[in-house]
Amino acid sequence: EIHARGEGRVYSGTRGLAAGLVDRVGSFEEACRYALERAGVKTERFELALYGGAERRVSLLQLLLSGARTHLYAFCPTAWALTEQGGLEPRDRFD
């Protein structure tokens, strides 16, 4: 039943909830706490530590077409084929 609803599509949390694909929507910390509880780990002293942050905002397109483009090729062989044929020109820098 879930496969029939999802069919490999990506849903936001709220759309997934509306479609019946998830039971509820919560934060990353809530998800970690839930996973620990399911694993039988006591969560009284659970604390989520965040380190650093992005120095600047980068769009997904910029990320994929810059230093991470080799990962793009791994997930999207069509991108590699287009590049080889001259139909896609990845750039190393974005201004």
N, C-alpha and C. Protein backbone atom coordinates (compact mmCIF):
# COMPACT_ATOMS: atom_id res chain seq x y z
N GLU A 1 0.83 -1.20 0.00
CA GLU A 1 0.00 0.00 0.00
C GLU A 1 0.87 1.26 0.00
N ILE A 2 1.95 1.26 0.80
CA ILE A 2 2.83 2.44 0.84
C ILE A 2 3.52 2.62 -0.50
N HIS A 3 3.96 1.53 -1.10
CA HIS A 3 4.62 1.62 -2.40
C HIS A 3 3.68 2.23 -3.44
N ALA A 4 2.42 1.85 -3.38
CA ALA A 4 1.45 2.38 -4.34
C ALA A 4 1.27 3.89 -4.17
N ARG A 5 1.38 4.38 -2.93
CA ARG A 5 1.24 5.82 -2.68
C ARG A 5 2.52 6.57 -3.01
N GLY A 6 3.64 6.02 -2.58
CA GLY A 6 4.91 6.73 -2.75
C GLY A 6 5.48 6.63 -4.15
N GLU A 7 5.52 5.43 -4.69
CA GLU A 7 6.06 5.17 -6.02
C GLU A 7 7.41 5.83 -6.25
N GLY A 8 8.26 5.90 -5.22
CA GLY A 8 9.59 6.47 -5.38
C GLY A 8 9.65 7.98 -5.37
N ARG A 9 8.52 8.64 -5.16
CA ARG A 9 8.51 10.11 -5.13
C ARG A 9 9.05 10.63 -3.81
N VAL A 10 9.50 11.87 -3.84
CA VAL A 10 9.97 12.55 -2.63
C VAL A 10 8.85 13.44 -2.13
N TYR A 11 8.51 13.31 -0.86
CA TYR A 11 7.45 14.11 -0.24
C TYR A 11 8.04 14.97 0.86
N SER A 12 7.46 16.14 1.07
CA SER A 12 7.80 16.92 2.26
C SER A 12 7.15 16.21 3.44
N GLY A 13 7.53 16.60 4.64
CA GLY A 13 6.94 15.96 5.82
C GLY A 13 5.44 16.12 5.88
N THR A 14 4.95 17.32 5.62
CA THR A 14 3.51 17.56 5.72
C THR A 14 2.74 16.84 4.61
N ARG A 15 3.31 16.79 3.42
CA ARG A 15 2.63 16.07 2.32
C ARG A 15 2.66 14.57 2.58
N GLY A 16 3.77 14.07 3.14
CA GLY A 16 3.84 12.65 3.49
C GLY A 16 2.83 12.29 4.56
N LEU A 17 2.63 13.20 5.50
CA LEU A 17 1.64 12.99 6.56
C LEU A 17 0.24 12.95 5.96
N ALA A 18 -0.06 13.90 5.08
CA ALA A 18 -1.37 13.95 4.43
C ALA A 18 -1.63 12.71 3.58
N ALA A 19 -0.57 12.16 3.00
CA ALA A 19 -0.71 10.97 2.14
C ALA A 19 -0.73 9.68 2.95
N GLY A 20 -0.54 9.78 4.27
CA GLY A 20 -0.54 8.60 5.12
C GLY A 20 0.76 7.82 5.08
N LEU A 21 1.85 8.45 4.64
CA LEU A 21 3.14 7.76 4.55
C LEU A 21 3.93 7.82 5.85
N VAL A 22 3.60 8.77 6.72
CA VAL A 22 4.25 8.90 8.03
C VAL A 22 3.18 9.07 9.09
N ASP A 23 3.52 8.73 10.34
CA ASP A 23 2.57 8.86 11.45
C ASP A 23 2.50 10.27 11.99
N ARG A 24 3.65 10.95 11.99
CA ARG A 24 3.69 12.32 12.50
C ARG A 24 4.94 13.02 11.99
N VAL A 25 4.96 14.34 12.13
CA VAL A 25 6.10 15.15 11.70
C VAL A 25 6.73 15.74 12.95
N GLY A 26 8.05 15.67 13.05
CA GLY A 26 8.75 16.21 14.21
C GLY A 26 10.11 16.74 13.82
N SER A 27 10.88 17.10 14.82
CA SER A 27 12.22 17.66 14.59
C SER A 27 13.25 16.55 14.48
N PHE A 28 14.46 16.93 14.08
CA PHE A 28 15.56 15.97 14.00
C PHE A 28 15.87 15.41 15.39
N GLU A 29 15.84 16.27 16.41
CA GLU A 29 16.11 15.83 17.78
C GLU A 29 15.07 14.81 18.23
N GLU A 30 13.81 15.06 17.92
CA GLU A 30 12.75 14.10 18.28
C GLU A 30 12.98 12.76 17.58
N ALA A 31 13.40 12.80 16.33
CA ALA A 31 13.66 11.56 15.59
C ALA A 31 14.82 10.79 16.22
N CYS A 32 15.87 11.50 16.64
CA CYS A 32 17.01 10.84 17.30
C CYS A 32 16.58 10.22 18.62
N ARG A 33 15.82 10.97 19.40
CA ARG A 33 15.35 10.47 20.70
C ARG A 33 14.47 9.22 20.49
N TYR A 34 13.59 9.27 19.51
CA TYR A 34 12.71 8.13 19.22
C TYR A 34 13.54 6.90 18.82
N ALA A 35 14.55 7.10 17.97
CA ALA A 35 15.40 5.99 17.53
C ALA A 35 16.15 5.38 18.70
N LEU A 36 16.65 6.23 19.60
CA LEU A 36 17.36 5.73 20.78
C LEU A 36 16.42 4.93 21.67
N GLU A 37 15.22 5.44 21.88
CA GLU A 37 14.24 4.72 22.70
C GLU A 37 13.91 3.37 22.08
N ARG A 38 13.73 3.33 20.76
CA ARG A 38 13.42 2.07 20.08
C ARG A 38 14.58 1.08 20.21
N ALA A 39 15.81 1.61 20.31
CA ALA A 39 16.99 0.77 20.45
C ALA A 39 17.23 0.36 21.89
N GLY A 40 16.39 0.86 22.81
CA GLY A 40 16.54 0.50 24.22
C GLY A 40 17.58 1.32 24.96
N VAL A 41 17.97 2.46 24.42
CA VAL A 41 18.96 3.33 25.05
C VAL A 41 18.23 4.37 25.89
N LYS A 42 18.68 4.59 27.12
CA LYS A 42 18.05 5.60 27.97
C LYS A 42 18.34 6.99 27.41
N THR A 43 17.31 7.81 27.37
CA THR A 43 17.45 9.12 26.74
C THR A 43 17.38 10.27 27.73
N GLU A 44 17.44 10.00 29.03
CA GLU A 44 17.37 11.09 30.00
C GLU A 44 18.49 12.10 29.79
N ARG A 45 19.65 11.61 29.42
CA ARG A 45 20.81 12.49 29.28
C ARG A 45 21.16 12.73 27.81
N PHE A 46 20.21 12.52 26.95
CA PHE A 46 20.43 12.72 25.52
C PHE A 46 20.54 14.21 25.22
N GLU A 47 21.56 14.58 24.47
CA GLU A 47 21.74 15.98 24.07
C GLU A 47 22.28 15.99 22.65
N LEU A 48 21.67 16.77 21.81
CA LEU A 48 22.10 16.88 20.43
C LEU A 48 23.05 18.06 20.32
N ALA A 49 24.27 17.83 19.87
CA ALA A 49 25.27 18.89 19.74
C ALA A 49 25.43 19.24 18.27
N LEU A 50 25.31 20.52 17.96
CA LEU A 50 25.50 21.00 16.60
C LEU A 50 26.82 21.73 16.52
N TYR A 51 27.63 21.40 15.54
CA TYR A 51 28.94 22.02 15.38
C TYR A 51 28.99 22.80 14.07
N GLY A 52 29.45 24.02 14.16
CA GLY A 52 29.67 24.82 12.96
C GLY A 52 28.39 25.12 12.21
N GLY A 53 28.57 25.52 11.01
CA GLY A 53 27.45 25.85 10.14
C GLY A 53 28.00 26.24 8.78
N ALA A 54 27.14 26.42 7.86
CA ALA A 54 27.57 26.79 6.52
C ALA A 54 28.14 28.20 6.53
N GLU A 55 29.28 28.38 5.87
CA GLU A 55 29.87 29.71 5.78
C GLU A 55 29.07 30.60 4.84
N ARG A 56 28.48 30.00 3.83
CA ARG A 56 27.62 30.75 2.92
C ARG A 56 26.59 29.78 2.35
N ARG A 57 25.49 30.35 1.92
CA ARG A 57 24.44 29.51 1.35
C ARG A 57 24.81 29.12 -0.08
N VAL A 58 24.60 27.86 -0.39
CA VAL A 58 24.89 27.35 -1.73
C VAL A 58 23.65 26.59 -2.18
N SER A 59 23.22 26.88 -3.39
CA SER A 59 22.05 26.16 -3.91
C SER A 59 22.43 24.73 -4.24
N LEU A 60 21.43 23.88 -4.30
CA LEU A 60 21.68 22.49 -4.65
C LEU A 60 22.31 22.39 -6.04
N LEU A 61 21.84 23.21 -6.96
CA LEU A 61 22.41 23.19 -8.31
C LEU A 61 23.88 23.58 -8.28
N GLN A 62 24.22 24.61 -7.51
CA GLN A 62 25.63 25.01 -7.41
C GLN A 62 26.46 23.88 -6.82
N LEU A 63 25.93 23.22 -5.81
CA LEU A 63 26.65 22.13 -5.17
C LEU A 63 26.88 20.98 -6.15
N LEU A 64 25.85 20.62 -6.88
CA LEU A 64 25.97 19.50 -7.80
C LEU A 64 26.89 19.78 -8.97
N LEU A 65 26.91 21.02 -9.43
CA LEU A 65 27.71 21.34 -10.61
C LEU A 65 29.10 21.84 -10.26
N SER A 66 29.43 21.89 -8.99
CA SER A 66 30.77 22.32 -8.61
C SER A 66 31.57 21.12 -8.13
N GLY A 67 32.13 21.19 -6.95
CA GLY A 67 33.00 20.14 -6.45
C GLY A 67 32.31 18.80 -6.25
N ALA A 68 31.01 18.80 -6.10
CA ALA A 68 30.30 17.55 -5.85
C ALA A 68 29.81 16.90 -7.14
N ARG A 69 30.23 17.40 -8.30
CA ARG A 69 29.66 16.87 -9.54
C ARG A 69 30.00 15.41 -9.77
N THR A 70 31.11 14.92 -9.22
CA THR A 70 31.40 13.49 -9.39
C THR A 70 30.33 12.65 -8.70
N HIS A 71 29.79 13.16 -7.60
CA HIS A 71 28.70 12.45 -6.93
C HIS A 71 27.43 12.51 -7.78
N LEU A 72 27.23 13.62 -8.47
CA LEU A 72 26.09 13.75 -9.38
C LEU A 72 26.17 12.67 -10.45
N TYR A 73 27.35 12.45 -10.99
CA TYR A 73 27.50 11.44 -12.03
C TYR A 73 27.19 10.05 -11.48
N ALA A 74 27.55 9.81 -10.24
CA ALA A 74 27.27 8.50 -9.64
C ALA A 74 25.77 8.26 -9.53
N PHE A 75 25.01 9.31 -9.23
CA PHE A 75 23.58 9.17 -9.06
C PHE A 75 22.81 9.40 -10.36
N CYS A 76 23.43 10.05 -11.31
CA CYS A 76 22.73 10.40 -12.55
C CYS A 76 23.64 10.16 -13.75
N PRO A 77 23.70 8.93 -14.23
CA PRO A 77 24.57 8.63 -15.37
C PRO A 77 24.26 9.48 -16.60
N THR A 78 23.02 9.96 -16.72
CA THR A 78 22.65 10.81 -17.84
C THR A 78 23.47 12.09 -17.84
N ALA A 79 23.73 12.64 -16.64
CA ALA A 79 24.53 13.85 -16.54
C ALA A 79 25.94 13.59 -17.08
N TRP A 80 26.50 12.44 -16.77
CA TRP A 80 27.83 12.10 -17.27
C TRP A 80 27.80 11.99 -18.79
N ALA A 81 26.78 11.32 -19.32
CA ALA A 81 26.68 11.15 -20.76
C ALA A 81 26.54 12.49 -21.46
N LEU A 82 25.73 13.38 -20.91
CA LEU A 82 25.56 14.71 -21.50
C LEU A 82 26.87 15.50 -21.47
N THR A 83 27.61 15.38 -20.39
CA THR A 83 28.89 16.08 -20.28
C THR A 83 29.86 15.56 -21.34
N GLU A 84 29.90 14.26 -21.50
CA GLU A 84 30.81 13.66 -22.47
C GLU A 84 30.44 14.07 -23.89
N GLN A 85 29.16 14.30 -24.15
CA GLN A 85 28.71 14.69 -25.49
C GLN A 85 28.74 16.20 -25.68
N GLY A 86 29.13 16.93 -24.65
CA GLY A 86 29.19 18.38 -24.75
C GLY A 86 27.87 19.08 -24.52
N GLY A 87 26.86 18.34 -24.06
CA GLY A 87 25.55 18.93 -23.84
C GLY A 87 25.35 19.52 -22.46
N LEU A 88 26.27 19.27 -21.55
CA LEU A 88 26.17 19.79 -20.20
C LEU A 88 27.55 20.31 -19.83
N GLU A 89 27.62 21.55 -19.41
CA GLU A 89 28.90 22.15 -19.09
C GLU A 89 28.97 22.46 -17.60
N PRO A 90 29.51 21.54 -16.79
CA PRO A 90 29.64 21.81 -15.37
C PRO A 90 30.66 22.92 -15.14
N ARG A 91 30.39 23.76 -14.17
CA ARG A 91 31.29 24.87 -13.85
C ARG A 91 31.93 24.61 -12.50
N ASP A 92 33.18 25.02 -12.38
CA ASP A 92 33.87 24.83 -11.12
C ASP A 92 33.58 25.93 -10.11
N ARG A 93 33.18 27.11 -10.58
CA ARG A 93 32.95 28.23 -9.67
C ARG A 93 31.67 28.95 -10.04
N PHE A 94 31.01 29.43 -9.04
CA PHE A 94 29.83 30.26 -9.22
C PHE A 94 30.08 31.57 -8.53
N ASP A 95 29.79 32.66 -9.20
CA ASP A 95 29.99 33.98 -8.60
C ASP A 95 28.74 34.44 -7.91
